[in-house]
C-alpha atoms as a PDB file:
ATOM      1  CA  MET A   1     181.559 144.377  30.689  1.00  0.00           C
ATOM      2  CA  LEU A   2     183.115 143.011  33.870  1.00  0.00           C
ATOM      3  CA  SER A   3     181.136 140.797  36.209  1.00  0.00           C
ATOM      4  CA  ARG A   4     180.515 142.010  39.731  1.00  0.00           C
ATOM      5  CA  GLY A   5     183.025 139.432  41.021  1.00  0.00           C
ATOM      6  CA  ALA A   6     185.698 140.515  38.531  1.00  0.00           C
ATOM      7  CA  THR A   7     185.176 144.145  39.479  1.00  0.00           C
ATOM      8  CA  THR A   8     185.598 143.263  43.150  1.00  0.00           C
ATOM      9  CA  LEU A   9     188.827 141.405  42.315  1.00  0.00           C
ATOM     10  CA  LEU A  10     190.177 144.507  40.600  1.00  0.00           C
ATOM     11  CA  VAL A  11     189.378 146.669  43.594  1.00  0.00           C
ATOM     12  CA  HIS A  12     190.593 144.199  46.247  1.00  0.00           C
ATOM     13  CA  LYS A  13     193.971 142.845  45.208  1.00  0.00           C
ATOM     14  CA  GLY A  14     194.142 140.431  48.182  1.00  0.00           C
ATOM     15  CA  ILE A  15     191.823 137.939  46.479  1.00  0.00           C
ATOM     16  CA  ASN A  16     193.197 135.831  43.670  1.00  0.00           C
ATOM     17  CA  GLU A  17     191.087 133.903  41.205  1.00  0.00           C
ATOM     18  CA  ASN A  18     191.863 130.529  42.799  1.00  0.00           C
ATOM     19  CA  ASP A  19     190.954 131.610  46.316  1.00  0.00           C
ATOM     20  CA  ASP A  20     188.024 129.728  47.890  1.00  0.00           C
ATOM     21  CA  ARG A  21     186.831 133.063  49.217  1.00  0.00           C
ATOM     22  CA  ARG A  22     186.276 134.202  45.649  1.00  0.00           C
ATOM     23  CA  THR A  23     183.677 131.499  45.050  1.00  0.00           C
ATOM     24  CA  ALA A  24     181.938 132.369  48.301  1.00  0.00           C
ATOM     25  CA  LEU A  25     182.108 136.069  47.466  1.00  0.00           C
ATOM     26  CA  ASP A  26     180.693 135.523  43.979  1.00  0.00           C
ATOM     27  CA  ARG A  27     177.762 133.568  45.418  1.00  0.00           C
ATOM     28  CA  TYR A  28     177.145 136.206  48.081  1.00  0.00           C
ATOM     29  CA  VAL A  29     177.271 139.227  45.754  1.00  0.00           C
ATOM     30  CA  ASN A  30     175.259 137.462  43.043  1.00  0.00           C
ATOM     31  CA  GLY A  31     172.679 136.528  45.682  1.00  0.00           C
ATOM     32  CA  LEU A  32     172.361 140.172  46.718  1.00  0.00           C
ATOM     33  CA  HIS A  33     172.041 141.188  43.076  1.00  0.00           C
ATOM     34  CA  ASP A  34     169.440 138.488  42.392  1.00  0.00           C
ATOM     35  CA  ALA A  35     167.506 139.690  45.441  1.00  0.00           C
ATOM     36  CA  GLY A  36     167.221 143.103  43.792  1.00  0.00           C
ATOM     37  CA  GLU A  37     170.238 145.097  44.961  1.00  0.00           C
ATOM     38  CA  ARG A  38     171.580 146.887  41.894  1.00  0.00           C
ATOM     39  CA  ARG A  39     173.611 149.742  43.391  1.00  0.00           C
ATOM     40  CA  PHE A  40     177.281 149.057  42.771  1.00  0.00           C
ATOM     41  CA  ASP A  41     178.441 151.025  45.815  1.00  0.00           C
ATOM     42  CA  ILE A  42     176.208 148.974  48.132  1.00  0.00           C
ATOM     43  CA  LEU A  43     177.341 145.701  46.539  1.00  0.00           C
ATOM     44  CA  GLN A  44     180.967 146.762  46.864  1.00  0.00           C
ATOM     45  CA  VAL A  45     180.653 147.662  50.555  1.00  0.00           C
ATOM     46  CA  ALA A  46     178.752 144.434  51.236  1.00  0.00           C
ATOM     47  CA  ALA A  47     181.542 142.471  49.506  1.00  0.00           C
ATOM     48  CA  VAL A  48     184.241 144.095  51.647  1.00  0.00           C
ATOM     49  CA  ILE A  49     182.294 143.416  54.845  1.00  0.00           C
ATOM     50  CA  TYR A  50     181.692 139.822  53.742  1.00  0.00           C
ATOM     51  CA  LEU A  51     185.403 139.239  53.060  1.00  0.00           C
ATOM     52  CA  LYS A  52     186.339 140.750  56.411  1.00  0.00           C
ATOM     53  CA  LYS A  53     183.880 138.425  58.147  1.00  0.00           C
ATOM     54  CA  LEU A  54     185.315 135.428  56.264  1.00  0.00           C
ATOM     55  CA  ASP A  55     188.805 136.421  57.411  1.00  0.00           C
ATOM     56  CA  GLU A  56     187.643 136.795  61.022  1.00  0.00           C
ATOM     57  CA  LEU A  57     185.969 133.395  60.937  1.00  0.00           C
ATOM     58  CA  GLY A  58     189.143 131.886  59.487  1.00  0.00           C
ATOM     59  CA  GLU A  59     191.237 133.435  62.258  1.00  0.00           C
ATOM     60  CA  ASP A  60     188.790 132.133  64.884  1.00  0.00           C
ATOM     61  CA  ARG A  61     188.959 128.663  63.350  1.00  0.00           C
ATOM     62  CA  GLN A  62     192.774 128.743  63.370  1.00  0.00           C
ATOM     63  CA  ALA A  63     192.830 129.896  66.993  1.00  0.00           C
ATOM     64  CA  ARG A  64     190.485 127.074  68.029  1.00  0.00           C
ATOM     65  CA  LEU A  65     192.606 124.549  66.143  1.00  0.00           C
ATOM     66  CA  ALA A  66     195.773 125.799  67.853  1.00  0.00           C
ATOM     67  CA  ALA A  67     194.076 125.633  71.265  1.00  0.00           C
ATOM     68  CA  ASN A  68     192.841 122.101  70.585  1.00  0.00           C
ATOM     69  CA  GLU A  69     196.294 120.999  69.452  1.00  0.00           C
ATOM     70  CA  THR A  70     197.828 122.501  72.592  1.00  0.00           C
ATOM     71  CA  LEU A  71     195.296 120.751  74.815  1.00  0.00           C
ATOM     72  CA  ALA A  72     195.844 117.474  72.979  1.00  0.00           C
ATOM     73  CA  GLY A  73     199.615 117.865  73.363  1.00  0.00           C
ATOM     74  CA  ASN A  74     199.277 118.531  77.097  1.00  0.00           C
ATOM     75  CA  PHE A  75     196.964 115.556  77.506  1.00  0.00           C
ATOM     76  CA  ASN A  76     199.281 113.250  75.556  1.00  0.00           C
ATOM     77  CA  SER A  77     202.355 114.349  77.533  1.00  0.00           C
ATOM     78  CA  ARG A  78     200.554 113.762  80.848  1.00  0.00           C
ATOM     79  CA  ALA A  79     199.328 110.348  79.676  1.00  0.00           C
ATOM     80  CA  THR A  80     202.855 109.225  78.866  1.00  0.00           C
ATOM     81  CA  HIS A  81     204.170 110.369  82.248  1.00  0.00           C
ATOM     82  CA  VAL A  82     201.606 108.450  84.282  1.00  0.00           C
END
């Protein structure tokens, strides 16, 4: 029998076994299961939503990093021209 995490990996090919998101997803889905959710379809939908949210947070983090690097670059270039 496949674990819930392994089943999700089969359905969603974008997650490989070494991906940090997999560990987070396993904890999340197992937490839902431990809390009493046993319906596979609900767990599957929750997993997809969770992964989408992780991706959005990652994109937000990358955008903030890029903005900070740009601001730092502008500040450093102004400091050297003064």
